[in-house]
Amino acid sequence: MSTAFHDDASSKVLRRMKEGGFDFTRFHPIEFYAIFPDEERARLAARRLPQGESLNTQVSADENGAWQLAVSKVMYATREDIGDFAQSLETLVAPLGGVLDGWGVTQEAYERRT
């Protein structure tokens, strides 16, 4: 995934989040996804990531036989922070045959008061 494409896609998502009332002043668990051709490489990538209270990993198979690594990092949802972490994750997964498959965050529904 090219950095320019990732930045453009992230900017669009962040803009929609802002329009939807997302609270950018709080930390949120941001989910990053990478796809691997086999379980061994997905688990190796997960083991190479630092484990701690602000980072969690999960490896699972998908219906097509590929393996997904989901990395949840508690952080601010900024273009810079998301881009920096995605770039470091890509540096880790690419040599293992993995490819980044995007990121996401759960946005809490809120009620507008008029």
Protein backbone atom coordinates (compact mmCIF):
# COMPACT_ATOMS: atom_id res chain seq x y z
CA MET A 1 0.00 0.00 0.00
CA SER A 2 1.51 3.32 -0.98
CA THR A 3 1.92 5.96 1.69
CA ALA A 4 0.16 8.59 -0.48
CA PHE A 5 -2.89 6.33 -0.94
CA HIS A 6 -2.99 5.51 2.77
CA ASP A 7 -2.77 9.20 3.75
CA ASP A 8 -5.54 10.13 1.31
CA ALA A 9 -7.84 7.31 2.48
CA SER A 10 -7.14 8.09 6.14
CA SER A 11 -7.85 11.79 5.61
CA LYS A 12 -11.24 10.96 4.08
CA VAL A 13 -12.16 8.62 6.93
CA LEU A 14 -11.05 11.11 9.57
CA ARG A 15 -13.06 13.87 7.87
CA ARG A 16 -16.19 11.67 7.94
CA MET A 17 -15.52 10.85 11.60
CA LYS A 18 -15.33 14.59 12.39
CA GLU A 19 -18.59 15.21 10.53
CA GLY A 20 -20.17 12.41 12.58
CA GLY A 21 -19.18 13.98 15.89
CA PHE A 22 -16.24 11.72 16.77
CA ASP A 23 -14.47 12.75 19.99
CA PHE A 24 -10.86 13.37 18.94
CA THR A 25 -9.91 14.60 22.43
CA ARG A 26 -9.95 11.07 23.90
CA PHE A 27 -7.79 8.01 23.38
CA HIS A 28 -9.48 5.25 21.34
CA PRO A 29 -8.56 1.67 20.42
CA ILE A 30 -7.67 1.95 16.73
CA GLU A 31 -7.72 -1.37 14.84
CA PHE A 32 -5.13 -2.02 12.13
CA TYR A 33 -5.36 -5.05 9.85
CA ALA A 34 -2.80 -7.06 7.89
CA ILE A 35 -3.36 -10.13 5.72
CA PHE A 36 -0.89 -13.04 5.50
CA PRO A 37 -0.78 -16.14 3.31
CA ASP A 38 -0.39 -18.46 6.30
CA GLU A 39 -0.85 -18.68 10.05
CA GLU A 40 2.85 -19.02 10.86
CA ARG A 41 3.79 -15.64 9.38
CA ALA A 42 0.78 -13.90 10.91
CA ARG A 43 1.69 -15.22 14.37
CA LEU A 44 5.36 -14.32 13.87
CA ALA A 45 4.35 -10.73 13.09
CA ALA A 46 2.13 -10.66 16.19
CA ARG A 47 5.01 -11.89 18.37
CA ARG A 48 7.33 -9.20 16.98
CA LEU A 49 5.01 -6.40 18.07
CA PRO A 50 5.56 -5.00 21.57
CA GLN A 51 2.83 -6.26 23.90
CA GLY A 52 1.36 -4.04 26.56
CA GLU A 53 -1.71 -2.32 27.82
CA SER A 54 -1.95 0.01 24.83
CA LEU A 55 -1.41 -2.70 22.19
CA ASN A 56 -3.25 -5.97 21.61
CA THR A 57 -3.02 -8.49 18.76
CA GLN A 58 -5.30 -11.20 17.43
CA VAL A 59 -4.71 -13.70 14.62
CA SER A 60 -7.59 -15.39 12.80
CA ALA A 61 -8.31 -17.27 9.58
CA ASP A 62 -10.65 -15.87 6.98
CA GLU A 63 -12.99 -17.75 4.67
CA ASN A 64 -10.51 -17.53 1.76
CA GLY A 65 -7.71 -19.36 3.55
CA ALA A 66 -5.67 -16.24 4.32
CA TRP A 67 -4.78 -15.19 7.85
CA GLN A 68 -5.58 -11.81 9.37
CA LEU A 69 -3.59 -10.02 12.02
CA ALA A 70 -5.65 -7.44 13.90
CA VAL A 71 -3.64 -5.00 15.98
CA SER A 72 -5.49 -2.75 18.39
CA LYS A 73 -3.54 0.27 19.60
CA VAL A 74 -4.92 2.75 22.11
CA MET A 75 -4.07 6.18 20.77
CA TYR A 76 -5.39 9.51 19.58
CA ALA A 77 -7.12 9.28 16.20
CA THR A 78 -4.96 11.73 14.27
CA ARG A 79 -3.76 11.41 10.69
CA GLU A 80 -0.15 11.65 11.85
CA ASP A 81 -0.40 9.04 14.63
CA ILE A 82 -2.39 6.62 12.49
CA GLY A 83 -0.04 7.12 9.55
CA ASP A 84 3.08 6.64 11.67
CA PHE A 85 1.79 3.44 13.25
CA ALA A 86 0.56 2.06 9.92
CA GLN A 87 3.97 2.74 8.38
CA SER A 88 5.80 0.96 11.22
CA LEU A 89 3.35 -1.95 10.98
CA GLU A 90 3.88 -2.16 7.22
CA THR A 91 7.65 -2.25 7.77
CA LEU A 92 7.14 -5.23 10.08
CA VAL A 93 4.62 -7.23 8.01
CA ALA A 94 5.92 -6.71 4.45
CA PRO A 95 9.11 -8.80 4.86
CA LEU A 96 6.89 -11.63 6.17
CA GLY A 97 4.67 -11.56 3.08
CA GLY A 98 1.91 -9.58 4.76
CA VAL A 99 0.01 -6.61 3.39
CA LEU A 100 -1.83 -3.91 5.29
CA ASP A 101 -5.59 -4.06 4.91
CA GLY A 102 -6.66 -0.77 6.48
CA TRP A 103 -7.66 0.50 9.88
CA GLY A 104 -10.83 1.34 11.75
CA VAL A 105 -12.25 2.61 15.00
CA THR A 106 -15.61 2.19 16.65
CA GLN A 107 -17.48 5.46 16.80
CA GLU A 108 -19.96 5.82 19.62
CA ALA A 109 -23.42 6.88 18.61
CA TYR A 110 -24.53 10.09 20.19
CA GLU A 111 -27.75 12.01 20.35
CA ARG A 112 -27.74 15.58 19.10
CA ARG A 113 -29.46 18.04 21.35
CA THR A 114 -31.14 20.97 19.73
